[in-house]
């Protein structure tokens, strides 16, 4: 029996997006209540983030065709963001919160908008893909909205840190792609489904455009989470 098909920008895609963002909104509302409710919500999000890789590997093993190493090794940026997000929710370590926020919103949102998947509902691979991506986005929003995480001042410090770590990832992903004949980070070629990369020129030049866009997105994402000067002054007193 063939696997169910999925295509972006269809009703199936729209329902998945609506359900995912609805659940994220519910997590934020419940988390803002504080107390035991907040602990339960945060524990669930951390579990979803940290189990995303294992669930994804199992789900792709159920696909009725040969799959590439990209599908079961957690070296895509969203895979790493899931790990970081889970530990950020648990430990509150600033660097983990920073990378979860910037990578989760600048990168993982793109994965939801143009999913690089061709297997649809109700296959486990479909569930694993959208669960992992929405868990990362939920964690990225939960950190500032519920847990009060804020970017550093001056305003450019946090986005530059996120950008530097992103380029460290790029180096690792390119090396892995050369060794494993994979396409982690879509740095070896564009995904088959339509995506932003289709408008950024041929390989490898679109990587340079991705770098520029990432830095611009990081800068914009800093604006709503900057520390207020008054709170900085109070901590110095």
C-alpha atoms as a PDB file:
ATOM      1  CA  UNK A   1       0.000   0.000   0.000  1.00  0.00           C
ATOM      2  CA  UNK A   2       1.541   3.353  -1.035  1.00  0.00           C
ATOM      3  CA  UNK A   3       2.206   6.038   1.525  1.00  0.00           C
ATOM      4  CA  UNK A   4      -0.380   8.873   1.630  1.00  0.00           C
ATOM      5  CA  UNK A   5       0.728  11.864  -0.416  1.00  0.00           C
ATOM      6  CA  UNK A   6       1.297  15.406   0.800  1.00  0.00           C
ATOM      7  CA  UNK A   7       1.647  18.617  -1.195  1.00  0.00           C
ATOM      8  CA  UNK A   8       2.270  22.108   0.204  1.00  0.00           C
ATOM      9  CA  UNK A   9      -0.378  24.832   0.009  1.00  0.00           C
ATOM     10  CA  UNK A  10      -3.248  22.339   0.034  1.00  0.00           C
ATOM     11  CA  UNK A  11      -6.144  21.918   2.467  1.00  0.00           C
ATOM     12  CA  UNK A  12      -4.129  19.272   4.325  1.00  0.00           C
ATOM     13  CA  UNK A  13      -1.281  21.728   4.774  1.00  0.00           C
ATOM     14  CA  UNK A  14      -3.660  24.471   5.889  1.00  0.00           C
ATOM     15  CA  UNK A  15      -5.321  22.270   8.507  1.00  0.00           C
ATOM     16  CA  UNK A  16      -1.927  21.216   9.888  1.00  0.00           C
ATOM     17  CA  UNK A  17      -0.823  24.850  10.191  1.00  0.00           C
ATOM     18  CA  UNK A  18      -4.088  25.942  11.813  1.00  0.00           C
ATOM     19  CA  UNK A  19      -4.024  23.098  14.352  1.00  0.00           C
ATOM     20  CA  UNK A  20      -0.336  23.650  15.115  1.00  0.00           C
ATOM     21  CA  UNK A  21      -0.613  27.369  15.784  1.00  0.00           C
ATOM     22  CA  UNK A  22      -3.820  26.823  17.734  1.00  0.00           C
ATOM     23  CA  UNK A  23      -2.006  24.431  20.053  1.00  0.00           C
ATOM     24  CA  UNK A  24       0.904  26.862  20.390  1.00  0.00           C
ATOM     25  CA  UNK A  25      -1.520  29.618  21.424  1.00  0.00           C
ATOM     26  CA  UNK A  26      -3.070  27.256  23.982  1.00  0.00           C
ATOM     27  CA  UNK A  27       0.383  26.468  25.423  1.00  0.00           C
ATOM     28  CA  UNK A  28       1.182  30.164  25.800  1.00  0.00           C
ATOM     29  CA  UNK A  29      -2.147  30.967  27.443  1.00  0.00           C
ATOM     30  CA  UNK A  30      -1.865  28.070  29.880  1.00  0.00           C
ATOM     31  CA  UNK A  31       1.791  28.800  30.563  1.00  0.00           C
ATOM     32  CA  UNK A  32       0.992  32.394  31.481  1.00  0.00           C
ATOM     33  CA  UNK A  33      -1.219  31.109  34.301  1.00  0.00           C
ATOM     34  CA  UNK A  34       1.904  30.108  36.188  1.00  0.00           C
ATOM     35  CA  UNK A  35       2.151  27.620  39.024  1.00  0.00           C
ATOM     36  CA  UNK A  36       1.663  23.921  38.400  1.00  0.00           C
ATOM     37  CA  UNK A  37      -0.040  24.557  35.058  1.00  0.00           C
ATOM     38  CA  UNK A  38       3.058  26.295  33.729  1.00  0.00           C
ATOM     39  CA  UNK A  39       5.316  23.473  34.906  1.00  0.00           C
ATOM     40  CA  UNK A  40       3.145  20.875  33.173  1.00  0.00           C
ATOM     41  CA  UNK A  41       3.032  22.811  29.895  1.00  0.00           C
ATOM     42  CA  UNK A  42       6.783  23.417  29.951  1.00  0.00           C
ATOM     43  CA  UNK A  43       7.457  19.736  30.701  1.00  0.00           C
ATOM     44  CA  UNK A  44       5.287  18.649  27.774  1.00  0.00           C
ATOM     45  CA  UNK A  45       7.028  21.056  25.388  1.00  0.00           C
ATOM     46  CA  UNK A  46      10.467  19.954  26.592  1.00  0.00           C
ATOM     47  CA  UNK A  47       9.498  16.301  26.120  1.00  0.00           C
ATOM     48  CA  UNK A  48       8.212  16.932  22.593  1.00  0.00           C
ATOM     49  CA  UNK A  49      11.408  18.764  21.662  1.00  0.00           C
ATOM     50  CA  UNK A  50      13.787  16.185  23.139  1.00  0.00           C
ATOM     51  CA  UNK A  51      11.892  13.187  21.745  1.00  0.00           C
ATOM     52  CA  UNK A  52      11.442  14.669  18.268  1.00  0.00           C
ATOM     53  CA  UNK A  53      14.558  13.031  16.829  1.00  0.00           C
ATOM     54  CA  UNK A  54      13.723   9.539  18.113  1.00  0.00           C
ATOM     55  CA  UNK A  55      10.085   9.818  17.027  1.00  0.00           C
ATOM     56  CA  UNK A  56      11.186  11.070  13.603  1.00  0.00           C
ATOM     57  CA  UNK A  57      13.676   8.224  13.086  1.00  0.00           C
ATOM     58  CA  UNK A  58      11.003   5.669  13.990  1.00  0.00           C
ATOM     59  CA  UNK A  59       8.405   7.374  11.777  1.00  0.00           C
ATOM     60  CA  UNK A  60      10.656   7.423   8.733  1.00  0.00           C
ATOM     61  CA  UNK A  61      11.460   3.752   9.256  1.00  0.00           C
ATOM     62  CA  UNK A  62       7.760   3.124   8.507  1.00  0.00           C
ATOM     63  CA  UNK A  63       7.996   4.684   5.060  1.00  0.00           C
ATOM     64  CA  UNK A  64       7.445   2.190   2.252  1.00  0.00           C
ATOM     65  CA  UNK A  65      10.507   3.175   0.244  1.00  0.00           C
ATOM     66  CA  UNK A  66      14.226   3.654   0.693  1.00  0.00           C
ATOM     67  CA  UNK A  67      15.008   6.840   2.582  1.00  0.00           C
ATOM     68  CA  UNK A  68      18.140   8.959   2.729  1.00  0.00           C
ATOM     69  CA  UNK A  69      20.350   9.570   5.717  1.00  0.00           C
ATOM     70  CA  UNK A  70      18.853  13.057   6.004  1.00  0.00           C
ATOM     71  CA  UNK A  71      15.624  11.583   7.355  1.00  0.00           C
ATOM     72  CA  UNK A  72      16.997   9.721  10.352  1.00  0.00           C
ATOM     73  CA  UNK A  73      20.174  11.554  11.408  1.00  0.00           C
ATOM     74  CA  UNK A  74      19.302  14.685  13.439  1.00  0.00           C
ATOM     75  CA  UNK A  75      21.581  17.138  11.635  1.00  0.00           C
ATOM     76  CA  UNK A  76      19.076  19.489  10.058  1.00  0.00           C
ATOM     77  CA  UNK A  77      18.939  22.902  11.711  1.00  0.00           C
ATOM     78  CA  UNK A  78      15.414  22.183  12.971  1.00  0.00           C
ATOM     79  CA  UNK A  79      16.642  18.945  14.577  1.00  0.00           C
ATOM     80  CA  UNK A  80      19.310  20.816  16.506  1.00  0.00           C
ATOM     81  CA  UNK A  81      16.845  23.565  17.403  1.00  0.00           C
ATOM     82  CA  UNK A  82      14.572  20.903  18.930  1.00  0.00           C
ATOM     83  CA  UNK A  83      17.373  19.613  21.176  1.00  0.00           C
ATOM     84  CA  UNK A  84      18.343  23.153  22.149  1.00  0.00           C
ATOM     85  CA  UNK A  85      14.718  24.083  22.800  1.00  0.00           C
ATOM     86  CA  UNK A  86      14.135  21.140  25.103  1.00  0.00           C
ATOM     87  CA  UNK A  87      17.183  21.876  27.218  1.00  0.00           C
ATOM     88  CA  UNK A  88      16.492  25.628  27.163  1.00  0.00           C
ATOM     89  CA  UNK A  89      13.063  25.034  28.680  1.00  0.00           C
ATOM     90  CA  UNK A  90      14.605  22.887  31.405  1.00  0.00           C
ATOM     91  CA  UNK A  91      17.814  24.756  32.224  1.00  0.00           C
ATOM     92  CA  UNK A  92      17.021  28.358  31.129  1.00  0.00           C
ATOM     93  CA  UNK A  93      20.667  28.722  30.024  1.00  0.00           C
ATOM     94  CA  UNK A  94      20.980  32.004  28.080  1.00  0.00           C
ATOM     95  CA  UNK A  95      22.830  30.619  25.047  1.00  0.00           C
ATOM     96  CA  UNK A  96      20.299  27.797  24.629  1.00  0.00           C
ATOM     97  CA  UNK A  97      17.411  30.252  24.920  1.00  0.00           C
ATOM     98  CA  UNK A  98      19.067  32.573  22.414  1.00  0.00           C
ATOM     99  CA  UNK A  99      19.630  29.885  19.777  1.00  0.00           C
ATOM    100  CA  UNK A 100      16.173  28.368  20.289  1.00  0.00           C
ATOM    101  CA  UNK A 101      14.522  31.737  19.793  1.00  0.00           C
ATOM    102  CA  UNK A 102      16.439  32.879  16.733  1.00  0.00           C
ATOM    103  CA  UNK A 103      16.842  29.529  14.984  1.00  0.00           C
ATOM    104  CA  UNK A 104      13.353  28.401  15.893  1.00  0.00           C
ATOM    105  CA  UNK A 105      11.578  31.451  14.514  1.00  0.00           C
ATOM    106  CA  UNK A 106      13.831  32.395  11.597  1.00  0.00           C
ATOM    107  CA  UNK A 107      14.393  28.822  10.362  1.00  0.00           C
ATOM    108  CA  UNK A 108      11.670  26.491  11.595  1.00  0.00           C
ATOM    109  CA  UNK A 109       8.840  28.828  10.564  1.00  0.00           C
ATOM    110  CA  UNK A 110      10.127  28.500   7.012  1.00  0.00           C
ATOM    111  CA  UNK A 111       9.898  24.724   7.364  1.00  0.00           C
ATOM    112  CA  UNK A 112       6.208  25.053   8.260  1.00  0.00           C
ATOM    113  CA  UNK A 113       5.494  27.506   5.437  1.00  0.00           C
ATOM    114  CA  UNK A 114       7.134  25.300   2.786  1.00  0.00           C
ATOM    115  CA  UNK A 115       7.366  21.759   4.224  1.00  0.00           C
ATOM    116  CA  UNK A 116      10.065  19.549   2.711  1.00  0.00           C
ATOM    117  CA  UNK A 117       7.932  16.412   2.951  1.00  0.00           C
ATOM    118  CA  UNK A 118       5.825  14.446   0.478  1.00  0.00           C
ATOM    119  CA  UNK A 119       4.071  12.055   2.894  1.00  0.00           C
ATOM    120  CA  UNK A 120       0.674  13.045   4.221  1.00  0.00           C
ATOM    121  CA  UNK A 121      -1.814  12.352   6.983  1.00  0.00           C
ATOM    122  CA  UNK A 122      -2.090  10.023   8.860  1.00  0.00           C
ATOM    123  CA  UNK A 123       1.397   8.579   8.294  1.00  0.00           C
ATOM    124  CA  UNK A 124       3.740   8.790  11.319  1.00  0.00           C
ATOM    125  CA  UNK A 125       6.297  10.705   9.213  1.00  0.00           C
ATOM    126  CA  UNK A 126       3.728  13.457   8.655  1.00  0.00           C
ATOM    127  CA  UNK A 127       2.967  13.606  12.377  1.00  0.00           C
ATOM    128  CA  UNK A 128       6.649  13.572  13.318  1.00  0.00           C
ATOM    129  CA  UNK A 129       7.497  16.367  10.875  1.00  0.00           C
ATOM    130  CA  UNK A 130       4.821  18.789  12.009  1.00  0.00           C
ATOM    131  CA  UNK A 131       5.035  17.870  15.701  1.00  0.00           C
ATOM    132  CA  UNK A 132       8.780  18.545  15.761  1.00  0.00           C
ATOM    133  CA  UNK A 133       8.536  21.831  13.879  1.00  0.00           C
ATOM    134  CA  UNK A 134       5.647  23.182  15.926  1.00  0.00           C
ATOM    135  CA  UNK A 135       7.305  22.074  19.180  1.00  0.00           C
ATOM    136  CA  UNK A 136      10.378  24.140  18.272  1.00  0.00           C
ATOM    137  CA  UNK A 137       8.271  27.197  17.405  1.00  0.00           C
ATOM    138  CA  UNK A 138       6.298  26.763  20.625  1.00  0.00           C
ATOM    139  CA  UNK A 139       9.525  26.611  22.655  1.00  0.00           C
ATOM    140  CA  UNK A 140      10.926  29.667  20.836  1.00  0.00           C
ATOM    141  CA  UNK A 141       7.818  31.680  21.742  1.00  0.00           C
ATOM    142  CA  UNK A 142       7.397  30.213  25.222  1.00  0.00           C
ATOM    143  CA  UNK A 143      10.822  31.408  26.336  1.00  0.00           C
ATOM    144  CA  UNK A 144      10.107  35.150  25.974  1.00  0.00           C
ATOM    145  CA  UNK A 145       6.321  35.156  26.387  1.00  0.00           C
ATOM    146  CA  UNK A 146       6.050  32.937  29.472  1.00  0.00           C
ATOM    147  CA  UNK A 147       9.542  32.587  30.924  1.00  0.00           C
ATOM    148  CA  UNK A 148      10.613  36.192  30.348  1.00  0.00           C
ATOM    149  CA  UNK A 149      13.789  35.561  28.340  1.00  0.00           C
ATOM    150  CA  UNK A 150      15.180  38.701  26.693  1.00  0.00           C
ATOM    151  CA  UNK A 151      17.931  39.454  24.220  1.00  0.00           C
ATOM    152  CA  UNK A 152      21.084  41.197  25.367  1.00  0.00           C
ATOM    153  CA  UNK A 153      21.983  44.828  24.920  1.00  0.00           C
ATOM    154  CA  UNK A 154      23.323  46.384  22.805  1.00  0.00           C
ATOM    155  CA  UNK A 155      20.662  45.174  20.367  1.00  0.00           C
ATOM    156  CA  UNK A 156      23.121  43.685  17.869  1.00  0.00           C
ATOM    157  CA  UNK A 157      24.843  41.361  20.357  1.00  0.00           C
ATOM    158  CA  UNK A 158      22.298  38.520  20.430  1.00  0.00           C
ATOM    159  CA  UNK A 159      21.625  38.339  16.664  1.00  0.00           C
ATOM    160  CA  UNK A 160      25.360  38.287  15.967  1.00  0.00           C
ATOM    161  CA  UNK A 161      25.824  35.431  18.446  1.00  0.00           C
ATOM    162  CA  UNK A 162      23.019  33.475  16.771  1.00  0.00           C
ATOM    163  CA  UNK A 163      24.553  34.205  13.370  1.00  0.00           C
ATOM    164  CA  UNK A 164      28.022  33.068  14.464  1.00  0.00           C
ATOM    165  CA  UNK A 165      26.648  29.768  15.791  1.00  0.00           C
ATOM    166  CA  UNK A 166      24.610  29.384  12.607  1.00  0.00           C
ATOM    167  CA  UNK A 167      27.779  29.583  10.547  1.00  0.00           C
ATOM    168  CA  UNK A 168      29.418  26.989  12.789  1.00  0.00           C
ATOM    169  CA  UNK A 169      26.455  24.757  11.944  1.00  0.00           C
ATOM    170  CA  UNK A 170      26.900  25.502   8.230  1.00  0.00           C
ATOM    171  CA  UNK A 171      30.508  24.294   8.361  1.00  0.00           C
ATOM    172  CA  UNK A 172      29.504  21.064  10.121  1.00  0.00           C
ATOM    173  CA  UNK A 173      26.564  20.459   7.768  1.00  0.00           C
ATOM    174  CA  UNK A 174      28.658  20.997   4.634  1.00  0.00           C
ATOM    175  CA  UNK A 175      31.275  18.557   5.944  1.00  0.00           C
ATOM    176  CA  UNK A 176      28.572  16.002   6.785  1.00  0.00           C
ATOM    177  CA  UNK A 177      27.020  16.405   3.337  1.00  0.00           C
ATOM    178  CA  UNK A 178      30.386  15.787   1.678  1.00  0.00           C
ATOM    179  CA  UNK A 179      31.018  12.657   3.764  1.00  0.00           C
ATOM    180  CA  UNK A 180      27.513  11.162   3.720  1.00  0.00           C
ATOM    181  CA  UNK A 181      26.164  12.363   0.359  1.00  0.00           C
ATOM    182  CA  UNK A 182      23.350  14.024   2.312  1.00  0.00           C
ATOM    183  CA  UNK A 183      21.620  17.396   2.143  1.00  0.00           C
ATOM    184  CA  UNK A 184      21.529  18.670   5.717  1.00  0.00           C
ATOM    185  CA  UNK A 185      20.429  22.272   5.930  1.00  0.00           C
ATOM    186  CA  UNK A 186      19.647  22.069   2.188  1.00  0.00           C
ATOM    187  CA  UNK A 187      23.210  23.244   1.681  1.00  0.00           C
ATOM    188  CA  UNK A 188      23.926  20.671  -1.027  1.00  0.00           C
ATOM    189  CA  UNK A 189      20.809  21.367  -3.084  1.00  0.00           C
ATOM    190  CA  UNK A 190      17.279  22.726  -2.976  1.00  0.00           C
ATOM    191  CA  UNK A 191      14.376  20.633  -1.640  1.00  0.00           C
ATOM    192  CA  UNK A 192      12.027  19.079  -4.187  1.00  0.00           C
ATOM    193  CA  UNK A 193       8.992  20.939  -2.843  1.00  0.00           C
ATOM    194  CA  UNK A 194       8.633  24.675  -3.544  1.00  0.00           C
ATOM    195  CA  UNK A 195      10.564  26.830  -1.091  1.00  0.00           C
ATOM    196  CA  UNK A 196      12.169  30.212  -0.563  1.00  0.00           C
ATOM    197  CA  UNK A 197      15.377  28.809  -2.049  1.00  0.00           C
ATOM    198  CA  UNK A 198      13.733  28.658  -5.488  1.00  0.00           C
ATOM    199  CA  UNK A 199      13.894  32.461  -5.604  1.00  0.00           C
ATOM    200  CA  UNK A 200      17.501  32.859  -4.474  1.00  0.00           C
ATOM    201  CA  UNK A 201      19.393  31.645  -7.527  1.00  0.00           C
ATOM    202  CA  UNK A 202      21.348  28.454  -8.267  1.00  0.00           C
ATOM    203  CA  UNK A 203      23.501  26.419  -5.903  1.00  0.00           C
ATOM    204  CA  UNK A 204      25.786  27.400  -4.209  1.00  0.00           C
ATOM    205  CA  UNK A 205      24.971  31.107  -4.609  1.00  0.00           C
ATOM    206  CA  UNK A 206      21.658  30.827  -2.792  1.00  0.00           C
ATOM    207  CA  UNK A 207      23.620  29.994   0.365  1.00  0.00           C
ATOM    208  CA  UNK A 208      25.019  33.545   0.374  1.00  0.00           C
ATOM    209  CA  UNK A 209      21.496  34.948   0.086  1.00  0.00           C
ATOM    210  CA  UNK A 210      20.387  32.675   2.916  1.00  0.00           C
ATOM    211  CA  UNK A 211      23.171  34.073   5.072  1.00  0.00           C
ATOM    212  CA  UNK A 212      22.056  37.635   4.377  1.00  0.00           C
ATOM    213  CA  UNK A 213      18.394  36.823   5.014  1.00  0.00           C
ATOM    214  CA  UNK A 214      19.227  34.990   8.239  1.00  0.00           C
ATOM    215  CA  UNK A 215      21.117  37.998   9.597  1.00  0.00           C
ATOM    216  CA  UNK A 216      18.253  40.316   8.621  1.00  0.00           C
ATOM    217  CA  UNK A 217      15.648  38.057  10.251  1.00  0.00           C
ATOM    218  CA  UNK A 218      17.748  37.755  13.403  1.00  0.00           C
ATOM    219  CA  UNK A 219      17.992  41.543  13.636  1.00  0.00           C
ATOM    220  CA  UNK A 220      14.231  41.967  13.227  1.00  0.00           C
ATOM    221  CA  UNK A 221      13.474  39.230  15.750  1.00  0.00           C
ATOM    222  CA  UNK A 222      15.569  41.077  18.326  1.00  0.00           C
ATOM    223  CA  UNK A 223      13.224  44.069  18.416  1.00  0.00           C
ATOM    224  CA  UNK A 224      10.330  42.527  20.401  1.00  0.00           C
ATOM    225  CA  UNK A 225      12.589  40.822  22.964  1.00  0.00           C
ATOM    226  CA  UNK A 226      15.132  43.510  23.858  1.00  0.00           C
ATOM    227  CA  UNK A 227      15.669  44.275  27.521  1.00  0.00           C
ATOM    228  CA  UNK A 228      14.161  47.557  28.582  1.00  0.00           C
ATOM    229  CA  UNK A 229      16.616  50.144  29.765  1.00  0.00           C
ATOM    230  CA  UNK A 230      14.720  50.603  33.032  1.00  0.00           C
ATOM    231  CA  UNK A 231      15.101  46.936  33.924  1.00  0.00           C
ATOM    232  CA  UNK A 232      18.825  47.135  33.131  1.00  0.00           C
ATOM    233  CA  UNK A 233      19.207  50.169  35.389  1.00  0.00           C
ATOM    234  CA  UNK A 234      17.369  48.404  38.231  1.00  0.00           C
ATOM    235  CA  UNK A 235      19.703  45.379  38.007  1.00  0.00           C
ATOM    236  CA  UNK A 236      22.716  47.678  38.252  1.00  0.00           C
ATOM    237  CA  UNK A 237      21.470  49.436  41.397  1.00  0.00           C
END
